Amino acid sequence: MRVIKRYNNRKLYDTKTRNYITLEGVAQLVAAGEEIKVVDNDTEEDLTTVILSQLLLEREREQRFLPSGMLSQLLRAGGQTGRRISSTLTRPFNLPIAQLLEHEIERSFKFWLDLAQEREEEVLKLLERLIEQRRRSRHIPDDKPPRRQPTNRLDNFEEMSDE
């Protein structure tokens, strides 16, 4: 694990390369698959989630990938939503993939229903449209699964993440 120290002047120091590093440099490390830990130089407090959150906010400022309505709903929902998101992202993957997928779809559906203020019919229609668009874009008949068979677990995971 790569340790990054944050000094009082807010500068970040990469202990592996023994050089200062920018937030963008930290983002590049994470994107490259590097496991990082950011600690306060004086207190040794773990600041990893703070720095990663800061990176997400910087990206949002640049790319505007989250709709403002969704962000407003997240703020209105308060800590409960944050805990739900956290538990979803940190839950260990110890279930069979089909069961995990079914569970995640159900959780996501409930989450979006909550954000849509219980307008279940609208959410269902939207999901149906998205599924139909996906089928058309991949030319998959309604009653037949895709023909390509994964050759290993990684292919299976990549195929699922494409959908």
Protein backbone atom coordinates (compact mmCIF):
# COMPACT_ATOMS: atom_id res chain seq x y z
CA MET A 1 0.00 0.00 0.00
CA ARG A 2 1.32 3.39 -1.00
CA VAL A 3 1.42 5.93 1.83
CA ILE A 4 0.82 9.58 1.09
CA LYS A 5 1.45 12.09 3.89
CA ARG A 6 -0.47 15.34 4.11
CA TYR A 7 1.34 18.21 5.78
CA ASN A 8 -0.19 21.19 7.63
CA ASN A 9 0.30 23.33 4.51
CA ARG A 10 -2.00 20.81 2.72
CA LYS A 11 0.81 19.53 0.51
CA LEU A 12 0.80 15.81 -0.23
CA TYR A 13 4.02 13.78 -0.06
CA ASP A 14 4.42 10.38 -1.71
CA THR A 15 6.61 8.33 0.61
CA LYS A 16 7.45 5.81 -2.13
CA THR A 17 8.86 8.27 -4.65
CA ARG A 18 9.95 10.76 -1.96
CA ASN A 19 8.35 13.61 -3.90
CA TYR A 20 5.42 15.91 -3.45
CA ILE A 21 2.32 14.83 -5.37
CA THR A 22 -0.75 16.73 -6.53
CA LEU A 23 -4.36 15.66 -6.08
CA GLU A 24 -4.38 14.80 -9.77
CA GLY A 25 -1.32 12.63 -9.18
CA VAL A 26 -3.20 10.80 -6.42
CA ALA A 27 -6.15 10.35 -8.81
CA GLN A 28 -3.80 8.85 -11.41
CA LEU A 29 -2.40 6.40 -8.84
CA VAL A 30 -5.90 5.26 -7.89
CA ALA A 31 -6.96 4.99 -11.55
CA ALA A 32 -3.89 2.83 -12.19
CA GLY A 33 -5.05 0.43 -9.47
CA GLU A 34 -2.62 1.54 -6.78
CA GLU A 35 -3.87 1.09 -3.21
CA ILE A 36 -3.22 4.29 -1.28
CA LYS A 37 -3.47 5.51 2.27
CA VAL A 38 -3.34 9.21 3.05
CA VAL A 39 -2.30 10.11 6.59
CA ASP A 40 -1.85 13.37 8.46
CA ASN A 41 1.89 13.85 8.98
CA ASP A 42 1.50 15.08 12.58
CA THR A 43 -1.34 12.97 13.98
CA GLU A 44 -1.16 9.89 11.69
CA GLU A 45 -4.96 10.25 11.26
CA ASP A 46 -6.22 8.37 8.19
CA LEU A 47 -7.38 10.99 5.68
CA THR A 48 -7.87 8.64 2.72
CA THR A 49 -11.65 9.04 2.47
CA VAL A 50 -11.35 12.83 2.85
CA ILE A 51 -8.84 13.06 -0.01
CA LEU A 52 -10.78 10.66 -2.25
CA SER A 53 -13.99 12.61 -1.56
CA GLN A 54 -12.17 15.81 -2.46
CA LEU A 55 -11.09 14.19 -5.73
CA LEU A 56 -14.68 13.22 -6.53
CA LEU A 57 -15.84 16.79 -5.85
CA GLU A 58 -13.10 18.17 -8.09
CA ARG A 59 -14.17 15.80 -10.87
CA GLU A 60 -17.81 16.82 -10.39
CA ARG A 61 -16.81 20.48 -10.71
CA GLU A 62 -15.02 19.73 -13.99
CA GLN A 63 -17.35 17.18 -15.58
CA ARG A 64 -20.78 17.71 -13.98
CA PHE A 65 -21.55 13.98 -14.02
CA LEU A 66 -24.11 14.08 -11.18
CA PRO A 67 -27.47 15.81 -11.77
CA SER A 68 -28.13 18.62 -9.29
CA GLY A 69 -31.57 17.16 -8.51
CA MET A 70 -29.99 13.91 -7.41
CA LEU A 71 -27.46 15.72 -5.23
CA SER A 72 -30.26 17.75 -3.65
CA GLN A 73 -32.21 14.58 -2.89
CA LEU A 74 -29.11 13.01 -1.33
CA LEU A 75 -28.68 16.02 0.93
CA ARG A 76 -32.36 15.99 1.89
CA ALA A 77 -32.15 12.30 2.75
CA GLY A 78 -29.32 13.02 5.18
CA GLY A 79 -27.05 10.46 6.81
CA GLN A 80 -29.27 7.49 6.07
CA THR A 81 -28.52 7.70 2.36
CA GLY A 82 -24.80 8.02 3.02
CA ARG A 83 -24.90 4.91 5.18
CA ARG A 84 -26.83 3.01 2.48
CA ILE A 85 -24.33 4.00 -0.20
CA SER A 86 -21.44 3.10 2.09
CA SER A 87 -22.85 -0.32 2.96
CA THR A 88 -23.49 -1.05 -0.72
CA LEU A 89 -19.97 -0.13 -1.75
CA THR A 90 -18.16 -1.85 1.11
CA ARG A 91 -20.12 -5.12 1.37
CA PRO A 92 -17.85 -8.11 0.72
CA PHE A 93 -18.54 -10.06 -2.44
CA ASN A 94 -19.09 -13.45 -0.85
CA LEU A 95 -22.33 -14.30 -2.66
CA PRO A 96 -22.63 -16.21 -5.94
CA ILE A 97 -22.65 -13.68 -8.80
CA ALA A 98 -26.29 -14.28 -9.79
CA GLN A 99 -27.46 -13.80 -6.21
CA LEU A 100 -25.26 -10.73 -5.79
CA LEU A 101 -26.60 -9.24 -9.01
CA GLU A 102 -30.21 -9.86 -8.00
CA HIS A 103 -29.57 -8.35 -4.57
CA GLU A 104 -27.87 -5.27 -6.06
CA ILE A 105 -30.67 -4.72 -8.58
CA GLU A 106 -33.23 -4.87 -5.78
CA ARG A 107 -31.23 -2.44 -3.61
CA SER A 108 -30.72 -0.05 -6.53
CA PHE A 109 -34.39 -0.19 -7.42
CA LYS A 110 -35.37 0.64 -3.83
CA PHE A 111 -32.82 3.47 -3.71
CA TRP A 112 -34.15 5.06 -6.92
CA LEU A 113 -37.74 4.59 -5.73
CA ASP A 114 -36.88 6.47 -2.55
CA LEU A 115 -35.29 9.27 -4.57
CA ALA A 116 -38.28 9.35 -6.94
CA GLN A 117 -40.53 9.81 -3.91
CA GLU A 118 -42.37 6.52 -4.36
CA ARG A 119 -43.35 7.04 -8.04
CA GLU A 120 -42.89 3.35 -8.72
CA GLU A 121 -44.70 3.26 -12.07
CA GLU A 122 -42.46 5.98 -13.53
CA VAL A 123 -39.33 4.20 -12.34
CA LEU A 124 -40.55 0.85 -13.76
CA LYS A 125 -41.33 2.43 -17.14
CA LEU A 126 -37.89 4.05 -17.20
CA LEU A 127 -36.22 0.72 -16.41
CA GLU A 128 -38.22 -1.03 -19.13
CA ARG A 129 -37.18 1.62 -21.67
CA LEU A 130 -33.53 1.30 -20.64
CA ILE A 131 -33.62 -2.49 -20.94
CA GLU A 132 -35.27 -2.28 -24.34
CA GLN A 133 -32.71 0.28 -25.56
CA ARG A 134 -29.93 -1.97 -24.35
CA ARG A 135 -31.38 -4.97 -26.18
CA ARG A 136 -31.71 -3.00 -29.40
CA SER A 137 -28.18 -1.63 -29.15
CA ARG A 138 -26.77 -5.14 -28.73
CA HIS A 139 -29.26 -6.74 -31.16
CA ILE A 140 -30.40 -9.27 -28.57
CA PRO A 141 -33.81 -10.85 -29.17
CA ASP A 142 -36.16 -10.60 -26.17
CA ASP A 143 -36.11 -14.35 -25.57
CA LYS A 144 -32.44 -15.17 -26.24
CA PRO A 145 -29.34 -14.50 -24.13
CA PRO A 146 -26.14 -13.12 -25.73
CA ARG A 147 -24.19 -15.76 -27.68
CA ARG A 148 -20.69 -14.87 -26.47
CA GLN A 149 -19.65 -17.16 -23.66
CA PRO A 150 -17.04 -15.86 -21.23
CA THR A 151 -13.84 -17.85 -21.18
CA ASN A 152 -12.89 -16.99 -17.63
CA ARG A 153 -14.19 -15.13 -14.56
CA LEU A 154 -12.64 -11.82 -15.65
CA ASP A 155 -14.49 -11.97 -18.99
CA ASN A 156 -17.69 -12.70 -17.11
CA PHE A 157 -17.15 -9.67 -14.87
CA GLU A 158 -16.30 -7.42 -17.83
CA GLU A 159 -19.39 -8.60 -19.70
CA MET A 160 -21.58 -7.75 -16.71
CA SER A 161 -19.98 -4.34 -16.28
CA ASP A 162 -20.70 -3.55 -19.95
CA GLU A 163 -24.42 -3.92 -19.33
